[in-house]
Amino acid sequence: MTKKDIKHDNHNHDYFCIGCGAKIQSSNPLKEGYIDINVLLKHEKENKDFYCKRCFDLKHYNKDLIIEKDYNEYLANLERIKKAKGFIVNIVDGIDLDGSIINGINTIFNSKDILLVVNKMDLFINSINQNKIYDYVRRHIKQIGVNVKDCILISSFKDDDIKRLINKINELNEKKKDVYFVGMSNVGKSTIINKIIKLYTNEDDIITVSGNINTTLNNIVIPLNDDVNLIDTPGIINNKNVVYYLSKSSLDYVRPKSYIKPKTYQLNPNQSLFIAGFLRLDILKTTNKASIITNFSNNLVIHRTKLENADDFYLNHKDDCLIVPNEEERIKLGKIKTKIYKLNGEKKDICISGLGFLTVLLEGEIKIHYFENVGIVIRESMY
C-alpha cells in the first residue's frame, strides 16, 4: 500500500480530499471539499495529493471551518455500507461507552459480522484489570441487545495494540470482506487508521484527525492487502451526545487528553454535586453517606455545595466557573429536566453522553438535573 492508493468509494468524480474524503470543489467555501481554484490548478499540474481547505486549516492551524453537510447523503452512505456487506469494526470510547455504542448497529448494517473495539484505554482506570473490563463490556452490550463476534480493548497510541487489532481483524474476517471502520464522531477511528497506514507505509497522519465533530466527511478507502480494503467512514450521528452542541473551545476543554484521575466525594443528604454546568446530582435521602467517584476530563469543574444553595450557585456561576457549556451552547442543549432515582445500595454508573460517568454508591434517593438533549444512562457499575 502507498499513499497514492488511498481513494474514495462513493462517486466517480476525479478529485477527493485525502484527509476527509470530501469531493473537491472550488465554488462554495462553506461546503465540504472546498479548495481555492488556483491551488486546485496547481495541484492538478503537479499531480499532488488534495487536501481541502478545512483539512489544511485543521492540520496546520488547528482551525475548524463550519461546513454544510447533506444529511440525506449521510443516510445514503449508511445504506451503501449496509449493501456492501463488509466486515464491521465498530470503534467506541471506553470513557463514554454508552454515549458511543451504536444502538441498533445490527439492524443498521444488517450484520452480526462485527468487531467491537473499545478505544482510549490509555485514559482509563488503570486500577481495574482489563480482563474485568472486557467481561463487563461483553455482558453490557448483550444486555442492550448488541451482538458482536468479539471485542478488543486498545489505545490508539500504542503500536502493540494496533498490531493486536490488525491480527484480530484478520482472525475474524474469515471471508476476506472489505473492513468498514464505523463509530460516533471523535471515538478515534481516523487516528487508528492513520496508525495502521503508518505500520504499512511509514507515512504519518494521512487522514485528517481533530477534536471536532464530523472531521471525516466521506468514505476513505485504504488497500490493506491484495484482497481487502479498509474503509474509514464518517461519524455516526448521535443527537444525544453533548459534543454535537459544543464549540471547538469547549470541546478542547471537556475532551480528556491525558489519564483521567478519578475523584472521590462523600456526600450527606441535602448536598449537591455539579459536573461543570452539564449535570447536577442532589442527594435527597440516604441511610449513610453517599460515595461518588467522578470519571471526566481533569479540566472539568466538579463542585459540591448544599442543596439549599444549589439553585443560586448555578445562577451566579453558570457564566464563570461553570462556563462549560456557555450561554449559546445551553440554548442548543435545551431545557433543564429533572429525574428522581431510587438506588438500592448497589454501585451504579451515571453516564453523561459525550463526557464520561460518575459511580454512585448509596441506598436512597437522588435527583438528577440535566439538559433535555443530552443522553443520561444509569447502568451496572464498571468498577
Protein backbone atom coordinates (compact mmCIF):
# COMPACT_ATOMS: atom_id res chain seq x y z
CA MET A 1 0.00 0.00 0.00
CA THR A 2 1.23 3.51 -0.85
CA LYS A 3 -0.21 6.96 -0.16
CA LYS A 4 -1.42 7.16 -3.77
CA ASP A 5 -3.51 4.01 -3.25
CA ILE A 6 -5.88 5.79 -0.85
CA LYS A 7 -9.16 6.55 -2.64
CA HIS A 8 -12.88 7.08 -2.11
CA ASP A 9 -15.75 4.80 -2.93
CA ASN A 10 -18.89 6.87 -3.24
CA HIS A 11 -18.60 8.67 -6.55
CA ASN A 12 -16.96 8.58 -9.95
CA HIS A 13 -15.57 12.14 -9.88
CA ASP A 14 -11.90 12.94 -10.30
CA TYR A 15 -10.69 14.52 -7.07
CA PHE A 16 -11.28 13.90 -3.37
CA CYS A 17 -9.68 15.26 -0.20
CA ILE A 18 -7.25 12.63 1.02
CA GLY A 19 -7.82 13.83 4.60
CA CYS A 20 -11.61 13.72 4.99
CA GLY A 21 -12.89 12.06 1.81
CA ALA A 22 -14.93 15.06 0.61
CA LYS A 23 -15.31 15.68 -3.12
CA ILE A 24 -13.05 18.58 -4.12
CA GLN A 25 -14.86 21.72 -5.34
CA SER A 26 -13.87 25.37 -5.72
CA SER A 27 -17.26 27.09 -5.99
CA ASN A 28 -18.52 27.35 -2.38
CA PRO A 29 -16.15 27.83 0.60
CA LEU A 30 -18.95 26.95 3.05
CA LYS A 31 -19.47 23.48 1.62
CA GLU A 32 -17.34 20.40 2.12
CA GLY A 33 -14.33 19.81 -0.10
CA TYR A 34 -13.62 23.47 -0.91
CA ILE A 35 -10.20 24.39 -2.33
CA ASP A 36 -9.14 27.65 -3.95
CA ILE A 37 -9.22 27.34 -7.75
CA ASN A 38 -5.57 28.44 -8.09
CA VAL A 39 -4.47 25.80 -5.58
CA LEU A 40 -6.60 23.24 -7.40
CA LEU A 41 -4.98 24.04 -10.75
CA LYS A 42 -1.50 23.92 -9.22
CA HIS A 43 -2.16 20.53 -7.61
CA GLU A 44 -3.55 19.21 -10.89
CA LYS A 45 -0.46 20.37 -12.77
CA GLU A 46 1.97 18.94 -10.20
CA ASN A 47 -0.11 15.78 -9.65
CA LYS A 48 -0.14 16.39 -5.87
CA ASP A 49 -2.47 14.91 -3.26
CA PHE A 50 -5.52 17.05 -2.50
CA TYR A 51 -6.37 18.35 0.98
CA CYS A 52 -9.44 20.57 1.15
CA LYS A 53 -9.13 23.96 2.88
CA ARG A 54 -10.86 22.68 6.01
CA CYS A 55 -8.42 19.78 6.40
CA PHE A 56 -5.46 22.06 5.64
CA ASP A 57 -6.56 24.52 8.34
CA LEU A 58 -7.21 21.72 10.84
CA LYS A 59 -3.85 20.06 10.22
CA HIS A 60 -1.71 23.20 10.17
CA TYR A 61 -3.58 25.74 12.30
CA ASN A 62 -5.99 23.62 14.37
CA LYS A 63 -8.69 25.90 12.98
CA ASP A 64 -12.08 24.48 12.10
CA LEU A 65 -14.42 25.73 9.38
CA ILE A 66 -18.12 25.10 9.83
CA ILE A 67 -19.34 23.50 6.61
CA GLU A 68 -22.71 22.40 5.34
CA LYS A 69 -23.25 18.64 5.45
CA ASP A 70 -26.00 16.93 3.48
CA TYR A 71 -27.91 14.73 5.94
CA ASN A 72 -29.52 12.78 3.11
CA GLU A 73 -26.07 11.91 1.79
CA TYR A 74 -25.12 10.74 5.29
CA LEU A 75 -28.14 8.39 5.34
CA ALA A 76 -27.38 7.21 1.82
CA ASN A 77 -23.83 6.34 2.87
CA LEU A 78 -25.13 4.18 5.73
CA GLU A 79 -27.24 2.35 3.17
CA ARG A 80 -24.19 1.86 0.92
CA ILE A 81 -22.25 0.34 3.81
CA LYS A 82 -25.20 -1.94 4.58
CA LYS A 83 -25.42 -3.14 0.97
CA ALA A 84 -21.67 -3.73 0.77
CA LYS A 85 -22.00 -6.46 3.44
CA GLY A 86 -18.46 -5.90 4.67
CA PHE A 87 -16.82 -6.73 7.98
CA ILE A 88 -17.75 -4.03 10.51
CA VAL A 89 -15.21 -2.69 13.01
CA ASN A 90 -17.14 -0.54 15.49
CA ILE A 91 -14.90 1.83 17.47
CA VAL A 92 -16.27 3.03 20.82
CA ASP A 93 -14.87 5.27 23.57
CA GLY A 94 -14.15 3.42 26.83
CA ILE A 95 -14.81 6.51 28.95
CA ASP A 96 -18.02 7.26 27.03
CA LEU A 97 -19.13 3.68 26.42
CA ASP A 98 -22.90 4.22 26.43
CA GLY A 99 -22.61 7.51 24.55
CA SER A 100 -20.59 5.92 21.75
CA ILE A 101 -22.17 2.47 21.38
CA ILE A 102 -24.34 2.38 18.25
CA ASN A 103 -27.71 1.16 19.47
CA GLY A 104 -29.28 -0.99 16.81
CA ILE A 105 -25.99 -1.48 14.95
CA ASN A 106 -27.00 -4.99 13.88
CA THR A 107 -30.13 -3.60 12.22
CA ILE A 108 -28.43 -0.52 10.75
CA PHE A 109 -25.87 -2.67 8.91
CA ASN A 110 -27.90 -5.90 8.78
CA SER A 111 -24.96 -7.81 10.22
CA LYS A 112 -23.55 -9.63 13.22
CA ASP A 113 -20.17 -9.73 11.49
CA ILE A 114 -18.87 -7.06 13.88
CA LEU A 115 -15.76 -6.49 15.99
CA LEU A 116 -16.27 -4.02 18.86
CA VAL A 117 -13.11 -2.01 19.60
CA VAL A 118 -13.02 -0.20 22.95
CA ASN A 119 -10.55 2.65 22.41
CA LYS A 120 -8.84 5.20 24.70
CA MET A 121 -7.85 2.68 27.33
CA ASP A 122 -4.76 4.83 28.00
CA LEU A 123 -7.14 7.34 29.63
CA PHE A 124 -8.87 4.72 31.69
CA ILE A 125 -8.93 3.48 35.24
CA ASN A 126 -5.60 1.65 35.49
CA SER A 127 -6.53 0.05 38.81
CA ILE A 128 -9.08 -2.22 37.09
CA ASN A 129 -7.91 -5.43 35.47
CA GLN A 130 -8.57 -5.16 31.74
CA ASN A 131 -9.96 -8.69 31.66
CA LYS A 132 -12.68 -7.47 34.04
CA ILE A 133 -13.43 -4.53 31.73
CA TYR A 134 -13.58 -6.93 28.77
CA ASP A 135 -16.06 -9.18 30.64
CA TYR A 136 -18.08 -6.13 31.67
CA VAL A 137 -18.31 -4.81 28.09
CA ARG A 138 -19.39 -8.23 26.72
CA ARG A 139 -22.05 -8.52 29.42
CA HIS A 140 -23.23 -4.93 28.99
CA ILE A 141 -23.63 -4.98 25.20
CA LYS A 142 -25.55 -8.25 25.46
CA GLN A 143 -27.94 -6.59 27.92
CA ILE A 144 -28.62 -3.72 25.50
CA GLY A 145 -29.10 -6.05 22.53
CA VAL A 146 -25.84 -5.53 20.60
CA ASN A 147 -24.42 -8.73 19.05
CA VAL A 148 -20.76 -8.88 18.01
CA LYS A 149 -18.23 -11.57 17.14
CA ASP A 150 -15.77 -10.31 19.73
CA CYS A 151 -14.44 -7.17 21.36
CA ILE A 152 -10.93 -5.87 21.98
CA LEU A 153 -9.58 -3.14 24.29
CA ILE A 154 -6.91 -0.84 22.87
CA SER A 155 -5.21 2.54 22.95
CA SER A 156 -4.82 4.08 19.50
CA PHE A 157 -1.45 5.50 20.63
CA LYS A 158 0.15 2.10 21.32
CA ASP A 159 1.66 0.32 18.32
CA ASP A 160 1.35 -3.08 20.01
CA ASP A 161 -2.39 -2.51 20.46
CA ILE A 162 -2.78 -1.57 16.79
CA LYS A 163 -0.94 -4.75 15.79
CA ARG A 164 -3.24 -6.79 18.06
CA LEU A 165 -6.22 -5.11 16.38
CA ILE A 166 -4.96 -5.97 12.89
CA ASN A 167 -4.40 -9.58 13.96
CA LYS A 168 -7.89 -9.74 15.48
CA ILE A 169 -9.46 -8.36 12.27
CA ASN A 170 -7.56 -10.91 10.16
CA GLU A 171 -8.64 -13.70 12.53
CA LEU A 172 -12.35 -12.81 12.50
CA ASN A 173 -12.67 -11.65 8.89
CA GLU A 174 -12.55 -15.19 7.55
CA LYS A 175 -14.31 -14.38 4.28
CA LYS A 176 -11.84 -11.58 3.47
CA LYS A 177 -14.54 -8.93 3.24
CA ASP A 178 -13.74 -5.23 2.99
CA VAL A 179 -13.37 -3.79 6.51
CA TYR A 180 -15.55 -0.79 7.41
CA PHE A 181 -14.49 1.28 10.44
CA VAL A 182 -17.64 2.84 11.93
CA GLY A 183 -18.38 4.78 15.09
CA MET A 184 -19.58 8.03 16.60
CA SER A 185 -17.58 11.20 16.00
CA ASN A 186 -14.32 11.52 17.95
CA VAL A 187 -14.03 7.91 19.12
CA GLY A 188 -10.67 7.64 17.32
CA LYS A 189 -11.46 5.91 14.00
CA SER A 190 -9.19 8.06 11.87
CA THR A 191 -6.38 8.01 14.44
CA ILE A 192 -6.43 4.21 14.46
CA ILE A 193 -6.47 4.05 10.67
CA ASN A 194 -3.55 6.51 10.47
CA LYS A 195 -1.62 4.18 12.77
CA ILE A 196 -2.42 1.22 10.51
CA ILE A 197 -1.32 3.20 7.44
CA LYS A 198 1.95 4.12 9.17
CA LEU A 199 2.65 0.46 10.00
CA TYR A 200 2.25 -0.44 6.32
CA THR A 201 3.76 2.63 4.60
CA ASN A 202 5.63 4.68 7.25
CA GLU A 203 3.52 7.68 6.15
CA ASP A 204 2.36 9.93 9.01
CA ASP A 205 -1.12 11.42 9.58
CA ILE A 206 -2.57 10.94 6.10
CA ILE A 207 -6.20 11.15 7.23
CA THR A 208 -7.24 14.38 8.96
CA VAL A 209 -7.71 13.98 12.71
CA SER A 210 -9.15 16.62 15.07
CA GLY A 211 -11.19 17.01 18.22
CA ASN A 212 -14.07 18.42 16.20
CA ILE A 213 -17.17 16.53 15.14
CA ASN A 214 -17.61 15.19 11.61
CA THR A 215 -13.96 15.51 10.57
CA THR A 216 -14.31 12.58 8.15
CA LEU A 217 -16.95 13.56 5.59
CA ASN A 218 -16.89 10.69 3.10
CA ASN A 219 -15.68 7.09 2.87
CA ILE A 220 -11.89 6.82 2.52
CA VAL A 221 -10.64 3.52 1.07
CA ILE A 222 -7.22 2.14 2.03
CA PRO A 223 -6.00 -1.12 0.41
CA LEU A 224 -4.87 -3.31 3.30
CA ASN A 225 -3.59 -6.10 1.06
CA ASP A 226 -4.40 -7.61 -2.34
CA ASP A 227 -7.78 -8.92 -1.14
CA VAL A 228 -9.09 -6.49 1.48
CA ASN A 229 -9.75 -2.74 1.64
CA LEU A 230 -10.02 -0.83 4.89
CA ILE A 231 -12.62 1.97 4.79
CA ASP A 232 -12.78 4.94 7.14
CA THR A 233 -16.37 6.26 7.32
CA PRO A 234 -18.00 9.49 8.56
CA GLY A 235 -19.01 9.54 12.22
CA ILE A 236 -22.43 8.14 13.15
CA ILE A 237 -24.73 10.92 14.37
CA ASN A 238 -25.92 10.73 17.98
CA ASN A 239 -28.03 13.77 18.79
CA LYS A 240 -27.98 12.89 22.49
CA ASN A 241 -24.20 13.37 22.68
CA VAL A 242 -23.02 16.70 24.14
CA VAL A 243 -20.24 17.06 21.53
CA TYR A 244 -22.83 17.95 18.88
CA TYR A 245 -23.74 21.09 20.80
CA LEU A 246 -20.31 22.39 21.85
CA SER A 247 -17.94 24.85 20.21
CA LYS A 248 -14.34 23.91 19.43
CA SER A 249 -13.04 25.72 22.55
CA SER A 250 -15.50 23.85 24.79
CA LEU A 251 -14.66 20.53 23.11
CA ASP A 252 -10.96 21.13 23.79
CA TYR A 253 -11.86 21.74 27.43
CA VAL A 254 -14.04 18.67 28.04
CA ARG A 255 -12.11 16.13 25.94
CA PRO A 256 -9.66 14.11 28.07
CA LYS A 257 -6.10 14.47 26.77
CA SER A 258 -4.30 12.52 29.48
CA TYR A 259 -5.01 9.80 32.04
CA ILE A 260 -8.23 10.63 33.91
CA LYS A 261 -7.73 10.91 37.65
CA PRO A 262 -10.91 9.66 39.35
CA LYS A 263 -12.09 11.98 42.14
CA THR A 264 -13.96 10.64 45.18
CA TYR A 265 -16.62 12.61 47.12
CA GLN A 266 -18.60 11.73 50.24
CA LEU A 267 -21.98 13.48 50.24
CA ASN A 268 -24.58 13.75 53.00
CA PRO A 269 -28.33 14.08 52.45
CA ASN A 270 -29.26 17.54 51.12
CA GLN A 271 -25.95 18.06 49.36
CA SER A 272 -25.42 18.55 45.62
CA LEU A 273 -22.61 17.87 43.16
CA PHE A 274 -22.16 19.85 39.93
CA ILE A 275 -20.43 18.29 36.91
CA ALA A 276 -19.44 21.66 35.41
CA GLY A 277 -22.68 23.11 34.02
CA PHE A 278 -23.81 19.85 32.43
CA LEU A 279 -25.37 17.96 35.32
CA ARG A 280 -26.31 18.41 38.96
CA LEU A 281 -26.76 15.47 41.32
CA ASP A 282 -28.81 16.02 44.50
CA ILE A 283 -28.70 13.58 47.42
CA LEU A 284 -32.29 13.52 48.73
CA LYS A 285 -32.29 10.52 51.04
CA THR A 286 -29.63 8.03 52.09
CA THR A 287 -29.09 5.65 55.00
CA ASN A 288 -25.45 6.78 55.22
CA LYS A 289 -23.04 8.96 53.28
CA ALA A 290 -23.18 8.64 49.54
CA SER A 291 -19.88 7.71 47.87
CA ILE A 292 -19.37 9.23 44.42
CA ILE A 293 -16.42 8.75 42.05
CA THR A 294 -16.19 11.03 39.00
CA ASN A 295 -14.55 10.00 35.70
CA PHE A 296 -14.31 13.06 33.46
CA SER A 297 -11.65 15.23 31.86
CA ASN A 298 -9.31 16.59 34.52
CA ASN A 299 -10.19 20.11 33.27
CA LEU A 300 -13.87 19.75 34.09
CA VAL A 301 -15.00 21.65 37.19
CA ILE A 302 -16.60 19.42 39.86
CA HIS A 303 -18.22 21.39 42.69
CA ARG A 304 -20.00 20.30 45.88
CA THR A 305 -22.49 22.52 47.70
CA LYS A 306 -25.52 22.41 49.98
CA LEU A 307 -28.78 21.54 48.22
CA GLU A 308 -30.43 24.70 49.60
CA ASN A 309 -27.74 26.81 47.88
CA ALA A 310 -27.55 24.84 44.62
CA ASP A 311 -30.06 26.89 42.55
CA ASP A 312 -28.42 30.19 43.49
CA PHE A 313 -24.93 28.76 42.91
CA TYR A 314 -25.85 27.76 39.37
CA LEU A 315 -27.43 31.14 38.54
CA ASN A 316 -24.45 33.03 39.98
CA HIS A 317 -21.72 30.87 38.42
CA LYS A 318 -23.07 29.45 35.15
CA ASP A 319 -21.04 32.08 33.29
CA ASP A 320 -17.77 31.77 35.23
CA CYS A 321 -16.62 28.54 36.94
CA LEU A 322 -19.48 26.54 35.35
CA ILE A 323 -18.99 28.26 31.97
CA VAL A 324 -18.96 24.96 30.05
CA PRO A 325 -21.46 24.83 28.44
CA ASN A 326 -21.65 28.55 27.62
CA GLU A 327 -24.85 30.51 27.03
CA GLU A 328 -25.09 29.76 23.30
CA GLU A 329 -24.44 26.05 23.91
CA ARG A 330 -27.03 25.89 26.70
CA ILE A 331 -29.68 27.13 24.28
CA LYS A 332 -28.80 24.30 21.87
CA LEU A 333 -28.79 21.73 24.69
CA GLY A 334 -32.40 22.58 25.52
CA LYS A 335 -34.41 22.88 28.70
CA ILE A 336 -33.16 21.53 32.02
CA LYS A 337 -35.09 18.44 33.11
CA THR A 338 -35.05 16.56 36.41
CA LYS A 339 -35.49 12.91 37.30
CA ILE A 340 -35.56 11.09 40.64
CA TYR A 341 -33.96 7.65 41.01
CA LYS A 342 -34.22 5.20 43.90
CA LEU A 343 -30.98 3.28 44.46
CA ASN A 344 -30.77 0.06 46.47
CA GLY A 345 -27.21 0.21 47.76
CA GLU A 346 -25.56 -1.34 44.70
CA LYS A 347 -22.95 0.63 42.77
CA LYS A 348 -24.36 2.36 39.70
CA ASP A 349 -22.75 4.42 36.94
CA ILE A 350 -24.49 7.59 35.79
CA CYS A 351 -23.26 8.21 32.24
CA ILE A 352 -23.41 11.58 30.50
CA SER A 353 -23.26 11.00 26.76
CA GLY A 354 -20.09 12.58 25.36
CA LEU A 355 -18.49 13.40 28.73
CA GLY A 356 -17.90 10.35 30.91
CA PHE A 357 -19.53 8.89 34.01
CA LEU A 358 -19.77 9.03 37.79
CA THR A 359 -20.10 5.98 40.02
CA VAL A 360 -22.61 6.26 42.87
CA LEU A 361 -22.91 4.04 45.93
CA LEU A 362 -25.86 4.72 48.21
CA GLU A 363 -29.18 3.39 49.40
CA GLY A 364 -31.79 6.09 48.99
CA GLU A 365 -32.96 8.71 46.51
CA ILE A 366 -31.13 11.04 44.16
CA LYS A 367 -32.33 13.73 41.79
CA ILE A 368 -30.52 14.50 38.54
CA HIS A 369 -30.74 17.86 36.72
CA TYR A 370 -29.69 17.61 33.07
CA PHE A 371 -30.30 19.14 29.63
CA GLU A 372 -33.08 17.55 27.59
CA ASN A 373 -30.87 16.96 24.54
CA VAL A 374 -28.22 15.01 26.49
CA GLY A 375 -28.42 11.25 26.92
CA ILE A 376 -28.26 10.05 30.52
CA VAL A 377 -27.86 6.32 31.21
CA ILE A 378 -27.80 4.55 34.58
CA ARG A 379 -26.08 1.17 34.36
CA GLU A 380 -24.37 -1.51 36.41
CA SER A 381 -21.07 -0.09 37.66
CA MET A 382 -17.93 -0.75 35.67
CA TYR A 383 -15.88 -0.66 38.91
